[in-house]
Amino acid sequence: KAELEANIRMFWKFLLRLMIENVFQLHLQLTCLGLSLALSGWDSACKNMLGSIALSFFFLLLKLGQTAFATTPNGAPMGPMVVCFAGFPVGYAIAKFIAIFACSQSLLNITGCAVLEI
């Protein structure tokens, strides 16, 4: 029972600290950059946002690596859990980053490049 509780705490720590804090921030920054580019084009603020996104992505990868090589309290590796739960959100963030340069309005949604009708 104590082992199960420790594993549940580790999972919530992973989910809250890594996924919600870092991945959500990265997606929010990418969306803000895409909207800024779609509405006003490249300017110095967008370049600053790009630098902030690069730092967020670096720290996300750092935390992913740290978590992937950690073990649960019962000694099980965390790597498979990291791949299962972080694979899609991180992959989608990479796709949103590529869309900033590839899509005409710098935005991506689930179905492809998003089009704003302003």
C-alpha atoms as a PDB file:
ATOM      1  CA  LYS A   1       0.000   0.000   0.000  1.00  0.00           C
ATOM      2  CA  ALA A   2       2.771   2.459   0.858  1.00  0.00           C
ATOM      3  CA  GLU A   3       4.496   1.603  -2.413  1.00  0.00           C
ATOM      4  CA  LEU A   4       1.328   2.350  -4.381  1.00  0.00           C
ATOM      5  CA  GLU A   5       0.871   5.685  -2.603  1.00  0.00           C
ATOM      6  CA  ALA A   6       4.482   6.622  -3.351  1.00  0.00           C
ATOM      7  CA  ASN A   7       3.990   5.786  -7.032  1.00  0.00           C
ATOM      8  CA  ILE A   8       0.803   7.857  -7.159  1.00  0.00           C
ATOM      9  CA  ARG A   9       2.611  10.818  -5.565  1.00  0.00           C
ATOM     10  CA  MET A  10       5.421  10.461  -8.118  1.00  0.00           C
ATOM     11  CA  PHE A  11       2.897  10.398 -10.970  1.00  0.00           C
ATOM     12  CA  TRP A  12       1.117  13.543  -9.752  1.00  0.00           C
ATOM     13  CA  LYS A  13       4.457  15.268  -9.237  1.00  0.00           C
ATOM     14  CA  PHE A  14       5.369  14.398 -12.811  1.00  0.00           C
ATOM     15  CA  LEU A  15       1.985  15.463 -14.145  1.00  0.00           C
ATOM     16  CA  LEU A  16       1.763  18.744 -12.251  1.00  0.00           C
ATOM     17  CA  ARG A  17       5.368  19.908 -12.311  1.00  0.00           C
ATOM     18  CA  LEU A  18       6.406  18.842 -15.760  1.00  0.00           C
ATOM     19  CA  MET A  19       3.366  18.549 -17.925  1.00  0.00           C
ATOM     20  CA  ILE A  20       1.103  21.296 -16.688  1.00  0.00           C
ATOM     21  CA  GLU A  21       3.733  23.838 -15.699  1.00  0.00           C
ATOM     22  CA  ASN A  22       6.185  23.511 -18.577  1.00  0.00           C
ATOM     23  CA  VAL A  23       4.213  22.083 -21.484  1.00  0.00           C
ATOM     24  CA  PHE A  24       1.247  24.398 -20.928  1.00  0.00           C
ATOM     25  CA  GLN A  25       3.578  27.408 -20.743  1.00  0.00           C
ATOM     26  CA  LEU A  26       5.304  26.387 -23.969  1.00  0.00           C
ATOM     27  CA  HIS A  27       2.003  25.938 -25.812  1.00  0.00           C
ATOM     28  CA  LEU A  28       0.746  29.283 -24.541  1.00  0.00           C
ATOM     29  CA  GLN A  29       3.918  31.049 -25.661  1.00  0.00           C
ATOM     30  CA  LEU A  30       3.763  29.427 -29.100  1.00  0.00           C
ATOM     31  CA  THR A  31       0.126  30.435 -29.537  1.00  0.00           C
ATOM     32  CA  CYS A  32       0.853  34.025 -28.484  1.00  0.00           C
ATOM     33  CA  LEU A  33       3.748  34.207 -30.929  1.00  0.00           C
ATOM     34  CA  GLY A  34       1.633  32.764 -33.728  1.00  0.00           C
ATOM     35  CA  LEU A  35      -1.167  35.243 -33.074  1.00  0.00           C
ATOM     36  CA  SER A  36       1.273  38.159 -32.943  1.00  0.00           C
ATOM     37  CA  LEU A  37       2.820  37.108 -36.230  1.00  0.00           C
ATOM     38  CA  ALA A  38      -0.566  36.604 -37.876  1.00  0.00           C
ATOM     39  CA  LEU A  39      -1.777  40.021 -36.781  1.00  0.00           C
ATOM     40  CA  SER A  40       1.290  42.232 -37.056  1.00  0.00           C
ATOM     41  CA  GLY A  41       4.188  40.299 -38.603  1.00  0.00           C
ATOM     42  CA  TRP A  42       7.749  40.041 -37.287  1.00  0.00           C
ATOM     43  CA  ASP A  43       8.857  42.758 -34.909  1.00  0.00           C
ATOM     44  CA  SER A  44      11.217  43.015 -31.955  1.00  0.00           C
ATOM     45  CA  ALA A  45       8.586  41.671 -29.546  1.00  0.00           C
ATOM     46  CA  CYS A  46       8.268  38.500 -31.636  1.00  0.00           C
ATOM     47  CA  LYS A  47      12.018  38.044 -31.586  1.00  0.00           C
ATOM     48  CA  ASN A  48      11.957  38.355 -27.792  1.00  0.00           C
ATOM     49  CA  MET A  49       9.138  35.803 -27.610  1.00  0.00           C
ATOM     50  CA  LEU A  50      11.180  33.444 -29.767  1.00  0.00           C
ATOM     51  CA  GLY A  51      14.045  33.687 -27.284  1.00  0.00           C
ATOM     52  CA  SER A  52      11.672  32.999 -24.406  1.00  0.00           C
ATOM     53  CA  ILE A  53      10.253  29.986 -26.247  1.00  0.00           C
ATOM     54  CA  ALA A  54      13.762  28.638 -26.808  1.00  0.00           C
ATOM     55  CA  LEU A  55      14.489  28.898 -23.062  1.00  0.00           C
ATOM     56  CA  SER A  56      11.165  27.261 -22.156  1.00  0.00           C
ATOM     57  CA  PHE A  57      11.826  24.402 -24.567  1.00  0.00           C
ATOM     58  CA  PHE A  58      15.360  23.946 -23.208  1.00  0.00           C
ATOM     59  CA  PHE A  59      14.114  23.716 -19.613  1.00  0.00           C
ATOM     60  CA  LEU A  60      11.290  21.386 -20.661  1.00  0.00           C
ATOM     61  CA  LEU A  61      13.794  19.024 -22.275  1.00  0.00           C
ATOM     62  CA  LEU A  62      16.007  19.280 -19.208  1.00  0.00           C
ATOM     63  CA  LYS A  63      13.138  18.317 -16.901  1.00  0.00           C
ATOM     64  CA  LEU A  64      12.005  15.555 -19.277  1.00  0.00           C
ATOM     65  CA  GLY A  65      15.496  14.085 -19.251  1.00  0.00           C
ATOM     66  CA  GLN A  66      15.753  14.351 -15.503  1.00  0.00           C
ATOM     67  CA  THR A  67      12.392  12.653 -15.046  1.00  0.00           C
ATOM     68  CA  ALA A  68      13.039   9.979 -17.688  1.00  0.00           C
ATOM     69  CA  PHE A  69      16.143   8.764 -15.868  1.00  0.00           C
ATOM     70  CA  ALA A  70      14.533   8.884 -12.431  1.00  0.00           C
ATOM     71  CA  THR A  71      13.031   5.864 -10.749  1.00  0.00           C
ATOM     72  CA  THR A  72       9.844   5.421  -8.796  1.00  0.00           C
ATOM     73  CA  PRO A  73      10.127   4.641  -5.079  1.00  0.00           C
ATOM     74  CA  ASN A  74       9.861   0.920  -5.860  1.00  0.00           C
ATOM     75  CA  GLY A  75      12.768   1.137  -8.338  1.00  0.00           C
ATOM     76  CA  ALA A  76      10.792   1.080 -11.593  1.00  0.00           C
ATOM     77  CA  PRO A  77      12.128   3.392 -14.330  1.00  0.00           C
ATOM     78  CA  MET A  78      10.109   6.520 -15.120  1.00  0.00           C
ATOM     79  CA  GLY A  79      11.170   6.557 -18.794  1.00  0.00           C
ATOM     80  CA  PRO A  80       8.151   4.686 -20.214  1.00  0.00           C
ATOM     81  CA  MET A  81       5.735   6.931 -18.321  1.00  0.00           C
ATOM     82  CA  VAL A  82       7.507  10.040 -19.597  1.00  0.00           C
ATOM     83  CA  VAL A  83       7.291   8.809 -23.186  1.00  0.00           C
ATOM     84  CA  CYS A  84       3.612   7.864 -22.843  1.00  0.00           C
ATOM     85  CA  PHE A  85       2.407  11.067 -21.226  1.00  0.00           C
ATOM     86  CA  ALA A  86       4.793  13.643 -22.678  1.00  0.00           C
ATOM     87  CA  GLY A  87       5.184  12.350 -26.218  1.00  0.00           C
ATOM     88  CA  PHE A  88       2.068  13.893 -27.747  1.00  0.00           C
ATOM     89  CA  PRO A  89       2.153  17.318 -26.015  1.00  0.00           C
ATOM     90  CA  VAL A  90       5.849  17.820 -26.730  1.00  0.00           C
ATOM     91  CA  GLY A  91       5.454  16.603 -30.322  1.00  0.00           C
ATOM     92  CA  TYR A  92       2.518  18.954 -30.818  1.00  0.00           C
ATOM     93  CA  ALA A  93       4.587  21.852 -29.414  1.00  0.00           C
ATOM     94  CA  ILE A  94       7.312  21.063 -31.950  1.00  0.00           C
ATOM     95  CA  ALA A  95       4.684  21.004 -34.709  1.00  0.00           C
ATOM     96  CA  LYS A  96       3.353  24.391 -33.540  1.00  0.00           C
ATOM     97  CA  PHE A  97       6.891  25.777 -33.651  1.00  0.00           C
ATOM     98  CA  ILE A  98       7.383  24.525 -37.202  1.00  0.00           C
ATOM     99  CA  ALA A  99       3.987  25.982 -38.162  1.00  0.00           C
ATOM    100  CA  ILE A 100       5.185  29.435 -37.141  1.00  0.00           C
ATOM    101  CA  PHE A 101       7.475  29.335 -40.166  1.00  0.00           C
ATOM    102  CA  ALA A 102       5.532  26.969 -42.454  1.00  0.00           C
ATOM    103  CA  CYS A 103       1.916  28.158 -42.190  1.00  0.00           C
ATOM    104  CA  SER A 104       0.772  31.330 -43.913  1.00  0.00           C
ATOM    105  CA  GLN A 105      -0.674  32.765 -40.690  1.00  0.00           C
ATOM    106  CA  SER A 106       1.806  31.078 -38.332  1.00  0.00           C
ATOM    107  CA  LEU A 107      -0.858  29.105 -36.468  1.00  0.00           C
ATOM    108  CA  LEU A 108      -1.594  25.404 -36.179  1.00  0.00           C
ATOM    109  CA  ASN A 109      -4.574  23.508 -34.855  1.00  0.00           C
ATOM    110  CA  ILE A 110      -5.355  19.803 -34.797  1.00  0.00           C
ATOM    111  CA  THR A 111      -6.550  19.775 -38.430  1.00  0.00           C
ATOM    112  CA  GLY A 112      -3.579  21.678 -39.881  1.00  0.00           C
ATOM    113  CA  CYS A 113      -2.664  25.286 -40.516  1.00  0.00           C
ATOM    114  CA  ALA A 114      -5.226  27.600 -38.960  1.00  0.00           C
ATOM    115  CA  VAL A 115      -6.690  30.493 -40.923  1.00  0.00           C
ATOM    116  CA  LEU A 116      -7.792  33.653 -39.175  1.00  0.00           C
ATOM    117  CA  GLU A 117     -10.564  35.635 -40.779  1.00  0.00           C
ATOM    118  CA  ILE A 118     -10.105  39.154 -39.531  1.00  0.00           C
END
